[in-house]
Amino acid sequence: METSKSGQPIYRYQDSEDALIIPSFIKPRHLNKYNKFIKQHIGPFETVFHEIASSLIHVDIYVIEPSDSRNYYTLVTSGMSALKMKTPPGYGSTKYAELMISLPPDWKFDEESLKDNKYYWPIFWLKYLARFPHKHNTWLGSGHTMPNGDPAEPIAPNTELRGFVLLPTVLFGKQGRVCKQGIFKRVNLYTIHPLHESEMQLKLENGIDALFDLFDDNHVSEVVDLSRKPVC
C-alpha cells in the first residue's frame, strides 16, 4: 500500500458509474433526531436542497442562514448516515457521518447563481464526499484529505484552493460534533475545509497535527475564505 512520509496510507480511486439501485434513506426515527440536533446545535433551516434523482444514498442539503450571532451560512448534509461506512478495526464509533461547510454571508443561492460553479461547488462537494465512502467501500473521518483531481485543480474559477480536509467543527463547539441516535448509532459531523495544494502536501508529509498547528498560528477560520493565502 502506498503511504505518505508521515506514515499514513494514500488511497487512489477511480470514478465509475453508480449501480442503478434504489437509494438508501435515513430511517424516519433517526431523521427526526438528526433534524432536532441540527436545529438545536447548528441552527434552524427553512431552505433545503432536495435531491430529485439519487444514487446509493439520498442526500439533501440544509441551509442555515446567517444570524445576529453567526454571520455566515452553514450547509449541512442529510443522508450520508443512511449507510454505515467500512471503517478499520478500532474505529467503530465513526461508522456514520454527515458533512457541513460554512460560507460568507454574501454567498448566492438563487437558481441562476447556482448554475455557476463559483457558487455551486460547496453543494457539489458535500454531495460528492457524502457518497464517496459508500461508492468506494471505504470511510471518511477527521483528518482525511481529498484533492480535486490528480493533479489537483482549483475547486472554482475564483480561487486557488484545490482540495479539502475533514475536521471536527470549532464554530459549533463539542456539542455540535456528534448526534446520538441510539445506543448503536452515533453520527459524527465533520466540517470540510478547502485547502491549498501545499497544505495537502504538508499533511501527507508531516501529519494532520502539523496542519492544525499552522491553522491555529494563522487564525484560519472555519468560514470559507476563497482568497486566503497558504499557511505553508
Protein backbone atom coordinates (compact mmCIF):
# COMPACT_ATOMS: atom_id res chain seq x y z
CA MET A 1 0.00 0.00 0.00
CA GLU A 2 1.23 3.50 -0.85
CA THR A 3 1.94 5.60 2.23
CA SER A 4 2.85 9.24 2.86
CA LYS A 5 6.03 10.41 4.58
CA SER A 6 4.03 10.71 7.80
CA GLY A 7 3.18 7.01 7.56
CA GLN A 8 -0.48 7.44 6.64
CA PRO A 9 -1.92 5.35 3.79
CA ILE A 10 -2.71 7.04 0.48
CA TYR A 11 -5.72 5.66 -1.38
CA ARG A 12 -6.40 6.25 -5.05
CA TYR A 13 -9.85 5.64 -6.50
CA GLN A 14 -11.26 5.60 -10.00
CA ASP A 15 -14.67 7.15 -10.58
CA SER A 16 -17.19 4.77 -12.05
CA GLU A 17 -20.87 4.73 -12.89
CA ASP A 18 -23.11 4.05 -9.90
CA ALA A 19 -25.22 0.94 -9.99
CA LEU A 20 -28.89 1.56 -10.72
CA ILE A 21 -30.31 0.61 -7.34
CA ILE A 22 -32.90 2.16 -5.07
CA PRO A 23 -31.06 4.73 -2.91
CA SER A 24 -30.96 4.37 0.86
CA PHE A 25 -32.74 6.91 3.05
CA ILE A 26 -32.21 7.74 6.72
CA LYS A 27 -34.80 5.93 8.82
CA PRO A 28 -37.61 8.31 9.93
CA ARG A 29 -36.86 7.96 13.66
CA HIS A 30 -33.18 8.72 13.07
CA LEU A 31 -34.03 11.61 10.75
CA ASN A 32 -36.25 13.20 13.39
CA LYS A 33 -33.44 13.05 15.95
CA TYR A 34 -30.96 14.39 13.41
CA ASN A 35 -33.18 17.32 12.42
CA LYS A 36 -33.70 18.26 16.08
CA PHE A 37 -29.95 18.06 16.64
CA ILE A 38 -29.20 20.37 13.69
CA LYS A 39 -31.80 22.92 14.76
CA GLN A 40 -30.55 22.90 18.36
CA HIS A 41 -26.79 22.97 17.80
CA ILE A 42 -26.21 24.32 14.27
CA GLY A 43 -29.28 26.45 13.60
CA PRO A 44 -32.81 26.47 12.19
CA PHE A 45 -33.28 25.81 8.50
CA GLU A 46 -36.11 26.69 6.15
CA THR A 47 -34.35 26.11 2.83
CA VAL A 48 -33.49 22.54 1.83
CA PHE A 49 -31.99 21.46 -1.48
CA HIS A 50 -33.85 18.20 -2.05
CA GLU A 51 -32.48 15.65 -4.48
CA ILE A 52 -34.82 14.65 -7.26
CA ALA A 53 -32.67 11.77 -8.52
CA SER A 54 -30.28 9.96 -6.18
CA SER A 55 -27.71 7.19 -6.39
CA LEU A 56 -26.62 4.95 -3.49
CA ILE A 57 -27.99 7.35 -0.87
CA HIS A 58 -30.46 10.23 -0.93
CA VAL A 59 -28.59 13.40 0.08
CA ASP A 60 -30.37 16.65 0.94
CA ILE A 61 -28.61 19.88 1.86
CA TYR A 62 -29.91 22.03 4.73
CA VAL A 63 -29.20 25.76 4.50
CA ILE A 64 -28.77 27.54 7.85
CA GLU A 65 -28.89 31.27 7.15
CA PRO A 66 -26.77 34.00 8.80
CA SER A 67 -27.99 35.33 12.14
CA ASP A 68 -27.06 38.13 14.53
CA SER A 69 -24.74 35.80 16.42
CA ARG A 70 -23.39 33.88 13.43
CA ASN A 71 -22.82 36.00 10.35
CA TYR A 72 -22.35 33.18 7.86
CA TYR A 73 -24.25 30.47 6.03
CA THR A 74 -23.82 26.84 7.02
CA LEU A 75 -24.72 23.98 4.69
CA VAL A 76 -25.28 20.54 6.23
CA THR A 77 -25.82 17.19 4.54
CA SER A 78 -28.65 14.84 5.44
CA GLY A 79 -28.31 11.36 4.01
CA MET A 80 -24.68 10.26 4.29
CA SER A 81 -25.52 8.48 7.55
CA ALA A 82 -28.21 6.35 5.92
CA LEU A 83 -25.49 3.72 5.46
CA LYS A 84 -22.54 2.81 7.65
CA MET A 85 -19.03 3.24 6.30
CA LYS A 86 -16.42 0.49 6.15
CA THR A 87 -14.15 1.63 8.96
CA PRO A 88 -10.94 -0.16 10.00
CA PRO A 89 -10.70 -2.05 13.31
CA GLY A 90 -10.85 0.28 16.30
CA TYR A 91 -12.90 2.96 14.54
CA GLY A 92 -16.35 1.55 15.21
CA SER A 93 -17.66 4.82 16.67
CA THR A 94 -17.03 6.61 13.35
CA LYS A 95 -19.09 4.37 11.07
CA TYR A 96 -21.68 7.10 10.47
CA ALA A 97 -21.03 10.67 9.35
CA GLU A 98 -22.54 13.82 7.90
CA LEU A 99 -20.76 16.87 6.50
CA MET A 100 -21.03 20.65 6.65
CA ILE A 101 -19.37 23.81 5.41
CA SER A 102 -19.69 27.47 6.45
CA LEU A 103 -19.76 30.22 3.83
CA PRO A 104 -19.57 34.04 3.81
CA PRO A 105 -22.87 35.92 4.32
CA ASP A 106 -22.87 37.26 0.75
CA TRP A 107 -22.96 33.79 -0.83
CA LYS A 108 -25.65 33.41 -3.50
CA PHE A 109 -28.13 30.56 -3.62
CA ASP A 110 -30.61 31.73 -6.25
CA GLU A 111 -31.21 29.40 -9.19
CA GLU A 112 -29.29 31.50 -11.70
CA SER A 113 -26.21 31.90 -9.48
CA LEU A 114 -26.05 28.17 -8.74
CA LYS A 115 -25.62 27.49 -12.45
CA ASP A 116 -22.11 28.92 -11.98
CA ASN A 117 -19.54 26.72 -10.22
CA LYS A 118 -18.35 29.89 -8.48
CA TYR A 119 -21.34 29.41 -6.16
CA TYR A 120 -22.33 25.78 -6.72
CA TRP A 121 -19.13 23.99 -5.72
CA PRO A 122 -19.98 23.66 -1.97
CA ILE A 123 -23.17 21.76 -2.82
CA PHE A 124 -21.35 19.58 -5.34
CA TRP A 125 -18.57 18.68 -2.94
CA LEU A 126 -20.86 17.98 0.01
CA LYS A 127 -22.81 15.54 -2.15
CA TYR A 128 -19.70 14.04 -3.73
CA LEU A 129 -17.96 13.45 -0.40
CA ALA A 130 -21.15 12.14 1.21
CA ARG A 131 -21.36 9.40 -1.44
CA PHE A 132 -17.64 8.74 -1.71
CA PRO A 133 -17.20 6.17 1.10
CA HIS A 134 -20.32 4.25 0.08
CA LYS A 135 -19.32 4.23 -3.57
CA HIS A 136 -15.79 3.00 -2.90
CA ASN A 137 -16.46 0.77 0.14
CA THR A 138 -14.22 2.88 2.38
CA TRP A 139 -14.61 5.61 5.01
CA LEU A 140 -14.04 9.29 5.68
CA GLY A 141 -13.16 10.76 9.04
CA SER A 142 -11.34 13.54 10.85
CA GLY A 143 -8.05 14.48 9.19
CA HIS A 144 -8.80 12.84 5.86
CA THR A 145 -7.94 14.93 2.81
CA MET A 146 -9.39 14.88 -0.69
CA PRO A 147 -7.72 16.63 -3.65
CA ASN A 148 -9.71 17.94 -6.59
CA GLY A 149 -8.26 15.54 -9.11
CA ASP A 150 -4.75 14.22 -9.72
CA PRO A 151 -3.02 16.57 -10.22
CA ALA A 152 -5.25 18.78 -8.10
CA GLU A 153 -7.04 21.65 -9.82
CA PRO A 154 -8.80 24.71 -8.32
CA ILE A 155 -12.22 23.88 -6.89
CA ALA A 156 -13.70 27.01 -8.50
CA PRO A 157 -12.60 29.61 -11.09
CA ASN A 158 -12.15 32.34 -8.46
CA THR A 159 -9.77 30.54 -6.09
CA GLU A 160 -6.51 28.60 -5.89
CA LEU A 161 -7.85 26.21 -3.25
CA ARG A 162 -7.53 22.69 -4.63
CA GLY A 163 -8.87 20.17 -2.12
CA PHE A 164 -10.38 19.56 1.31
CA VAL A 165 -9.68 18.26 4.78
CA LEU A 166 -12.36 16.93 7.14
CA LEU A 167 -12.19 18.34 10.67
CA PRO A 168 -14.46 18.48 13.74
CA THR A 169 -16.35 21.77 13.93
CA VAL A 170 -14.97 24.60 16.04
CA LEU A 171 -17.73 27.14 15.38
CA PHE A 172 -20.43 24.97 16.93
CA GLY A 173 -18.40 23.52 19.80
CA LYS A 174 -18.17 19.94 21.01
CA GLN A 175 -21.95 19.74 21.31
CA GLY A 176 -22.24 20.15 17.53
CA ARG A 177 -19.93 17.27 16.66
CA VAL A 178 -21.84 14.09 17.44
CA CYS A 179 -25.55 13.33 17.04
CA LYS A 180 -26.54 10.33 19.16
CA GLN A 181 -29.40 8.44 17.53
CA GLY A 182 -29.42 5.39 19.76
CA ILE A 183 -27.16 3.01 21.65
CA PHE A 184 -25.51 1.74 18.48
CA LYS A 185 -25.65 4.79 16.23
CA ARG A 186 -23.55 7.93 16.63
CA VAL A 187 -23.38 10.31 13.68
CA ASN A 188 -20.17 12.35 13.53
CA LEU A 189 -20.37 15.75 11.85
CA TYR A 190 -17.28 16.98 10.03
CA THR A 191 -16.57 20.37 8.51
CA ILE A 192 -14.92 20.32 5.10
CA HIS A 193 -12.13 22.92 4.92
CA PRO A 194 -10.83 23.91 1.46
CA LEU A 195 -7.05 23.55 1.20
CA HIS A 196 -4.19 24.76 -0.94
CA GLU A 197 -2.06 22.13 -2.66
CA SER A 198 0.91 22.91 -0.40
CA GLU A 199 -1.30 22.35 2.67
CA MET A 200 -2.38 18.94 1.42
CA GLN A 201 1.26 18.08 0.81
CA LEU A 202 2.21 19.24 4.31
CA LYS A 203 -0.44 16.99 5.82
CA LEU A 204 0.80 14.00 3.80
CA GLU A 205 4.42 14.57 4.80
CA ASN A 206 4.06 15.68 8.42
CA GLY A 207 0.60 14.57 9.56
CA ILE A 208 -2.60 16.36 10.42
CA ASP A 209 -1.27 17.87 13.66
CA ALA A 210 1.26 19.93 11.72
CA LEU A 211 -1.56 21.39 9.65
CA PHE A 212 -3.66 22.00 12.80
CA ASP A 213 -0.81 23.99 14.33
CA LEU A 214 -0.38 26.19 11.28
CA PHE A 215 -4.12 26.78 11.07
CA ASP A 216 -4.05 27.95 14.69
CA ASP A 217 -0.95 30.12 14.18
CA ASN A 218 -2.53 31.81 11.15
CA HIS A 219 -6.05 32.08 12.64
CA VAL A 220 -7.65 30.19 9.76
CA SER A 221 -11.41 30.44 10.14
CA GLU A 222 -13.92 27.66 9.58
CA VAL A 223 -15.82 30.12 7.38
CA VAL A 224 -14.52 29.71 3.84
CA ASP A 225 -12.18 32.44 2.57
CA LEU A 226 -11.50 31.79 -1.12
CA SER A 227 -8.72 34.38 -1.23
CA ARG A 228 -6.78 33.23 1.84
CA LYS A 229 -3.07 32.54 1.43
CA PRO A 230 -1.48 29.14 2.11
CA VAL A 231 -0.30 28.64 5.71
CA CYS A 232 2.85 26.88 4.47
